[in-house]
Protein backbone atom coordinates (compact mmCIF):
# COMPACT_ATOMS: atom_id res chain seq x y z
CA MET A 1 96.38 95.83 101.19
CA ASN A 2 99.28 98.59 100.54
CA PHE A 3 100.00 98.82 104.10
CA ASN A 4 98.73 99.17 100.69
CA ARG A 5 98.88 98.83 102.70
CA ARG A 6 99.85 100.46 103.31
CA TRP A 7 105.77 106.37 102.89
CA LEU A 8 107.87 108.87 104.35
CA TRP A 9 111.57 108.63 104.06
CA SER A 10 113.80 110.45 106.37
CA PRO A 11 115.47 108.91 109.65
CA MET A 12 114.00 111.65 111.67
CA ALA A 13 110.40 110.35 110.43
CA VAL A 14 111.36 107.08 111.45
CA VAL A 15 112.44 108.22 114.90
CA LEU A 16 109.95 110.84 115.31
CA GLY A 17 107.13 108.36 114.72
CA ILE A 18 108.28 105.71 117.38
CA ALA A 19 108.93 108.43 119.80
CA LEU A 20 105.35 109.27 119.69
CA ALA A 21 103.93 105.96 118.78
CA ALA A 22 101.39 104.63 122.09
CA CYS A 23 103.58 102.50 123.99
CA GLY A 24 102.33 99.80 126.16
CA SER A 25 104.00 96.43 128.16
CA SER A 26 102.23 93.12 129.36
CA PRO A 27 103.25 92.22 132.59
CA PRO A 28 107.05 90.73 132.90
CA LYS A 29 107.03 87.00 132.74
CA ALA A 30 109.89 84.60 133.22
CA GLY A 31 112.33 84.45 130.91
CA LYS A 32 112.02 84.58 127.11
CA GLY A 33 113.11 87.83 126.51
CA ASN A 34 111.93 91.12 125.20
CA ILE A 35 109.96 91.53 121.83
CA THR A 36 109.01 94.87 121.01
CA VAL A 37 105.71 94.69 118.15
CA ALA A 38 105.04 97.33 116.24
CA GLY A 39 101.58 98.28 113.85
CA PHE A 40 100.77 100.45 111.21
CA ALA A 41 98.31 103.68 111.85
CA PHE A 42 95.13 101.52 110.94
CA PRO A 43 93.01 99.33 113.23
CA GLU A 44 93.79 95.73 111.86
CA SER A 45 97.25 96.37 112.55
CA SER A 46 96.82 97.44 116.16
CA ILE A 47 94.58 94.58 116.84
CA MET A 48 97.12 92.00 115.30
CA ALA A 49 99.77 93.58 116.97
CA TYR A 50 98.07 92.83 120.14
CA VAL A 51 96.87 89.12 118.95
CA TYR A 52 101.12 88.39 118.21
CA GLY A 53 101.89 89.97 121.38
CA GLU A 54 99.36 88.64 123.68
CA ALA A 55 100.32 85.62 122.56
CA LEU A 56 103.90 85.59 122.96
CA GLY A 57 103.14 87.27 126.25
CA GLY A 58 101.41 83.99 127.55
CA ALA A 59 104.81 82.14 126.17
CA GLY A 60 106.91 83.67 128.50
CA TYR A 61 108.38 86.71 126.71
CA THR A 62 108.43 90.45 128.14
CA VAL A 63 106.19 92.70 125.14
CA SER A 64 106.04 95.88 124.58
CA TYR A 65 103.87 97.83 122.22
CA LYS A 66 104.53 100.69 119.56
CA LEU A 67 101.11 101.31 117.72
CA ASN A 68 100.13 103.53 115.20
CA LEU A 69 103.56 104.56 113.81
CA GLY A 70 102.24 105.34 110.07
CA THR A 71 102.97 103.71 106.74
CA ARG A 72 105.36 100.86 105.90
CA ALA A 73 108.20 102.92 104.91
CA VAL A 74 107.97 104.16 109.03
CA VAL A 75 107.28 100.93 109.95
CA GLU A 76 109.82 98.67 108.32
CA PRO A 77 113.03 101.08 108.62
CA ALA A 78 112.22 100.89 112.15
CA LEU A 79 112.55 97.01 111.85
CA GLU A 80 115.74 97.24 110.00
CA SER A 81 117.36 99.47 112.48
CA ARG A 82 116.19 97.15 115.37
CA GLN A 83 113.83 99.81 117.18
CA ILE A 84 111.18 97.28 116.83
CA ASP A 85 111.19 93.24 116.63
CA LEU A 86 108.34 92.59 114.92
CA TYR A 87 105.33 93.85 112.99
CA PRO A 88 101.79 92.19 111.47
CA GLY A 89 102.74 92.17 107.73
CA TYR A 90 101.03 91.63 104.70
CA THR A 91 102.35 89.30 101.73
CA ALA A 92 102.06 91.16 98.83
CA SER A 93 102.19 94.56 100.05
CA ASP A 94 105.70 94.11 101.76
CA LEU A 95 106.61 92.31 98.65
CA GLU A 96 105.68 95.21 96.62
CA TYR A 97 107.50 97.44 99.17
CA GLN A 98 110.74 95.39 99.42
CA ASP A 99 111.13 94.77 95.32
CA LYS A 100 110.38 98.67 94.99
CA ASN A 101 107.08 97.98 93.46
CA ALA A 102 108.51 95.65 90.28
CA GLY A 103 104.89 93.97 90.59
CA LEU A 104 105.79 90.53 91.72
CA ALA A 105 103.54 89.90 94.21
CA GLY A 106 101.02 87.40 92.60
CA GLY A 107 98.07 85.60 93.41
CA ASP A 108 99.57 82.64 95.80
CA ALA A 109 100.29 84.13 99.26
CA ALA A 110 102.81 81.25 100.00
CA THR A 111 104.88 81.96 96.35
CA ASN A 112 104.86 85.88 97.50
CA ASN A 113 106.13 85.21 101.10
CA ALA A 114 108.85 82.67 99.69
CA LYS A 115 110.01 85.81 97.51
CA LEU A 116 109.69 88.23 100.09
CA ASN A 117 111.86 86.26 102.03
CA THR A 118 114.60 86.56 99.18
CA PHE A 119 114.45 90.28 100.45
CA LEU A 120 113.95 89.98 103.63
CA THR A 121 117.02 87.13 104.81
CA PRO A 122 119.83 89.52 103.84
CA LYS A 123 118.81 91.79 106.08
CA GLY A 124 118.21 89.65 109.40
CA LEU A 125 114.73 89.61 108.60
CA GLU A 126 112.09 87.11 108.25
CA ALA A 127 108.21 86.43 106.95
CA LEU A 128 106.60 83.53 108.83
CA THR A 129 103.86 81.19 107.49
CA PRO A 130 101.42 83.31 106.55
CA SER A 131 97.68 83.06 107.54
CA SER A 132 95.00 82.58 105.54
CA ALA A 133 93.61 85.80 106.56
CA LEU A 134 93.55 88.25 103.63
CA ASP A 135 93.17 91.88 103.27
CA THR A 136 93.49 93.48 100.15
CA ASN A 137 93.11 96.86 98.73
CA ALA A 138 89.89 97.68 97.29
CA PHE A 139 88.18 100.26 95.48
CA ALA A 140 84.65 101.43 96.26
CA VAL A 141 81.91 103.95 95.56
CA LYS A 142 78.71 105.08 97.08
CA LYS A 143 75.61 103.46 95.99
CA ALA A 144 74.13 106.47 93.96
CA ILE A 145 77.54 106.85 92.21
CA ALA A 146 77.11 102.97 90.79
CA LYS A 147 73.76 103.59 89.51
CA GLN A 148 74.62 107.01 87.85
CA TYR A 149 77.35 105.45 86.54
CA ASN A 150 76.61 101.79 85.96
CA LEU A 151 79.60 100.59 88.06
CA LYS A 152 80.25 97.04 88.70
CA THR A 153 83.57 96.51 87.84
CA LEU A 154 87.19 98.29 87.62
CA SER A 155 86.95 98.10 84.06
CA ASP A 156 83.38 99.93 84.42
CA LEU A 157 85.33 102.54 86.19
CA ALA A 158 87.79 103.32 83.56
CA ARG A 159 85.06 104.34 81.42
CA VAL A 160 84.54 107.63 83.68
CA SER A 161 87.41 107.56 86.15
CA ASN A 162 88.66 111.30 84.18
CA LYS A 163 84.86 112.63 85.56
CA LEU A 164 85.75 111.20 89.44
CA VAL A 165 87.61 112.54 92.46
CA PHE A 166 89.28 109.47 94.12
CA GLY A 167 90.04 109.57 97.68
CA ALA A 168 93.84 107.51 98.48
CA PRO A 169 96.16 106.66 101.41
CA PRO A 170 99.51 108.55 101.03
CA ASP A 171 101.52 105.87 99.70
CA CYS A 172 99.37 105.40 96.81
CA PRO A 173 100.73 107.18 94.37
CA THR A 174 103.91 104.86 94.22
CA ASN A 175 102.07 101.84 95.29
CA ALA A 176 101.61 98.99 92.38
CA LEU A 177 98.64 97.87 94.38
CA CYS A 178 97.30 101.31 93.99
CA ALA A 179 97.48 104.31 91.26
CA PRO A 180 99.95 102.83 88.87
CA GLY A 181 98.18 99.28 89.35
CA LEU A 182 95.34 101.28 88.40
CA SER A 183 96.29 103.07 85.24
CA ARG A 184 98.83 100.34 84.20
CA VAL A 185 96.38 97.30 84.44
CA TYR A 186 92.73 99.38 83.82
CA GLY A 187 93.71 102.69 82.58
CA ILE A 188 91.97 104.44 85.23
CA GLU A 189 92.78 108.32 85.52
CA PHE A 190 90.89 110.44 87.74
CA LYS A 191 89.98 113.76 87.37
CA SER A 192 92.20 114.37 90.50
CA THR A 193 93.14 112.66 93.44
CA GLN A 194 92.83 113.42 97.56
CA LEU A 195 95.55 112.22 99.52
CA LEU A 196 93.73 110.97 103.21
CA ASP A 197 94.31 107.85 105.52
CA LEU A 198 94.59 104.28 105.62
CA ASP A 199 90.85 103.14 105.33
CA GLY A 200 90.29 105.53 107.76
CA PRO A 201 87.83 108.04 108.91
CA ALA A 202 88.92 111.02 106.18
CA THR A 203 88.57 108.45 103.59
CA TYR A 204 84.85 107.23 104.82
CA ALA A 205 83.70 111.32 105.34
CA ALA A 206 85.11 112.44 102.13
CA LEU A 207 83.49 109.58 100.34
CA ASP A 208 79.94 110.37 102.85
CA SER A 209 79.95 113.83 102.02
CA GLY A 210 80.97 113.43 97.94
CA THR A 211 83.86 115.46 98.30
CA VAL A 212 85.49 112.22 96.31
CA GLN A 213 83.68 110.04 94.45
CA VAL A 214 86.21 107.05 94.11
CA GLY A 215 87.97 106.07 98.03
CA GLU A 216 90.31 103.09 98.36
CA VAL A 217 89.67 101.00 101.05
CA PHE A 218 90.61 97.39 102.93
CA SER A 219 88.62 94.56 101.74
CA SER A 220 88.16 93.25 105.52
CA ASP A 221 86.60 96.52 106.95
CA ALA A 222 83.57 95.41 108.53
CA THR A 223 81.80 98.99 107.96
CA ILE A 224 82.28 99.12 104.17
CA SER A 225 78.23 98.63 104.18
CA SER A 226 77.35 100.13 106.98
CA HIS A 227 78.75 103.74 104.67
CA GLY A 228 76.41 102.26 101.94
CA LEU A 229 79.38 101.86 99.41
CA VAL A 230 79.89 99.47 97.01
CA VAL A 231 82.98 97.74 96.23
CA LEU A 232 84.30 97.66 92.37
CA THR A 233 85.13 93.96 91.24
CA ASP A 234 88.63 93.36 90.34
CA ASN A 235 87.69 91.84 87.08
CA LYS A 236 91.45 91.68 86.09
CA HIS A 237 93.09 90.28 89.05
CA LEU A 238 95.04 93.56 89.80
CA GLU A 239 95.45 93.21 94.00
CA ALA A 240 97.47 90.15 94.65
CA ALA A 241 97.17 87.49 97.63
CA ASP A 242 98.00 89.80 100.71
CA ASP A 243 97.72 87.36 103.65
CA LEU A 244 98.37 88.44 107.03
CA VAL A 245 101.73 87.53 107.98
CA PRO A 246 104.20 87.74 111.35
CA ILE A 247 107.39 90.11 109.69
CA GLY A 248 110.58 90.52 112.37
CA ARG A 249 113.87 89.89 113.52
CA THR A 250 115.18 86.28 112.69
CA SER A 251 117.45 86.55 115.49
CA VAL A 252 114.54 87.59 118.16
CA LEU A 253 112.04 85.30 116.69
CA ARG A 254 113.97 81.88 116.67
CA GLY A 255 112.68 79.17 118.68
CA VAL A 256 109.28 79.52 120.45
CA ALA A 257 108.84 83.02 119.42
CA THR A 258 108.42 81.52 115.84
CA THR A 259 106.33 78.63 117.24
CA VAL A 260 103.82 80.80 118.84
CA LEU A 261 103.46 82.98 115.77
CA ASN A 262 102.59 80.11 113.38
CA ASN A 263 100.42 78.67 115.21
CA VAL A 264 98.35 81.71 115.42
CA SER A 265 98.73 82.57 111.95
CA SER A 266 97.35 78.96 110.99
CA LYS A 267 94.11 79.53 113.08
CA LEU A 268 93.69 83.34 111.70
CA THR A 269 91.06 83.33 108.96
CA THR A 270 89.82 86.10 107.16
CA SER A 271 86.34 85.82 108.74
CA ALA A 272 87.90 86.06 111.80
CA LEU A 273 89.88 89.12 110.83
CA ILE A 274 86.40 90.92 109.80
CA ALA A 275 84.57 89.88 113.28
CA MET A 276 87.42 91.68 114.87
CA ASN A 277 87.58 94.63 113.03
CA ALA A 278 84.04 94.57 113.32
CA LYS A 279 83.95 94.90 117.30
CA VAL A 280 86.54 97.72 117.31
CA ALA A 281 85.08 99.92 114.01
CA ILE A 282 81.35 99.37 115.27
CA ASN A 283 81.73 98.47 118.49
CA HIS A 284 84.12 100.60 120.10
CA ALA A 285 85.79 97.66 121.80
CA ASP A 286 89.56 98.29 122.64
CA PRO A 287 91.83 96.41 120.18
CA SER A 288 93.33 94.65 123.26
CA GLN A 289 90.73 92.89 124.91
CA VAL A 290 89.27 91.64 121.24
CA ALA A 291 92.69 90.35 120.84
CA SER A 292 92.95 88.67 123.81
CA ALA A 293 89.33 87.52 123.39
CA TRP A 294 90.03 85.90 120.38
CA LEU A 295 93.45 84.11 121.06
CA LYS A 296 91.49 82.49 124.35
CA SER A 297 88.52 81.27 122.34
CA HIS A 298 91.38 79.53 120.18
CA ASP A 299 93.12 78.17 123.27
CA ILE A 300 96.23 80.35 122.88
CA LYS A 301 97.61 81.30 126.53
CA THR A 302 98.13 84.93 127.02
């Protein structure tokens, strides 16, 4: 996912993004210290920020939240500058961000994570043990478009891409797992591209209205089928292993926090992630309540 998944470089953008973010805190508990958990501007990130935060709160940390900060180009610099302490990251997308889209990410999450830490460690940052919960970029079309152009794979899309408009997230033009990768791996060049949001309402509205014919979505989004979309098979394996992983400041995460977060990751699966996303996107449940319910179902204290 690019966070892709998923880029404003201005320092002022970082400050403003944090100042305007939705903030909250768990009830103070004795003694472990303070941790600020941040999230990207899409619901899955908010859910996972609460999953991490409430688990840490149950272990005695005082947790505050800065959610919906924006793209990785806002969130990651905020981590480096100590304005936040932790965020839900992705093994491939964060690696591609750190390596400046050099294409180091591959199909194994643990390998991606090890490479990611070679960039993070000198900055005093760390990606902990990744979960098995996978969320990659995916490229979808309406069923009618798939039928009209006989589209099943991204290779099929390459044949007709110059006739179609692409709805993409803001970072897509520079993200190795989005437009550059589609061009390099598949030879896909669209008629035009509209920059929209991160697997959000603008993307789905544009697909539903026909304003765009192809949209980037997230593979763990539970609403894909309800919009009558077909996800095209990534038959040449452009997308790498983008498993969820806690990324934070090493000085804050040492000890108990690492143990707590690694325990969460050990129990988090792709199916659980999709189910939590569905409760928020389809049933309009509160992300913090969804996170709390999942933690309790796995006997993790909140």
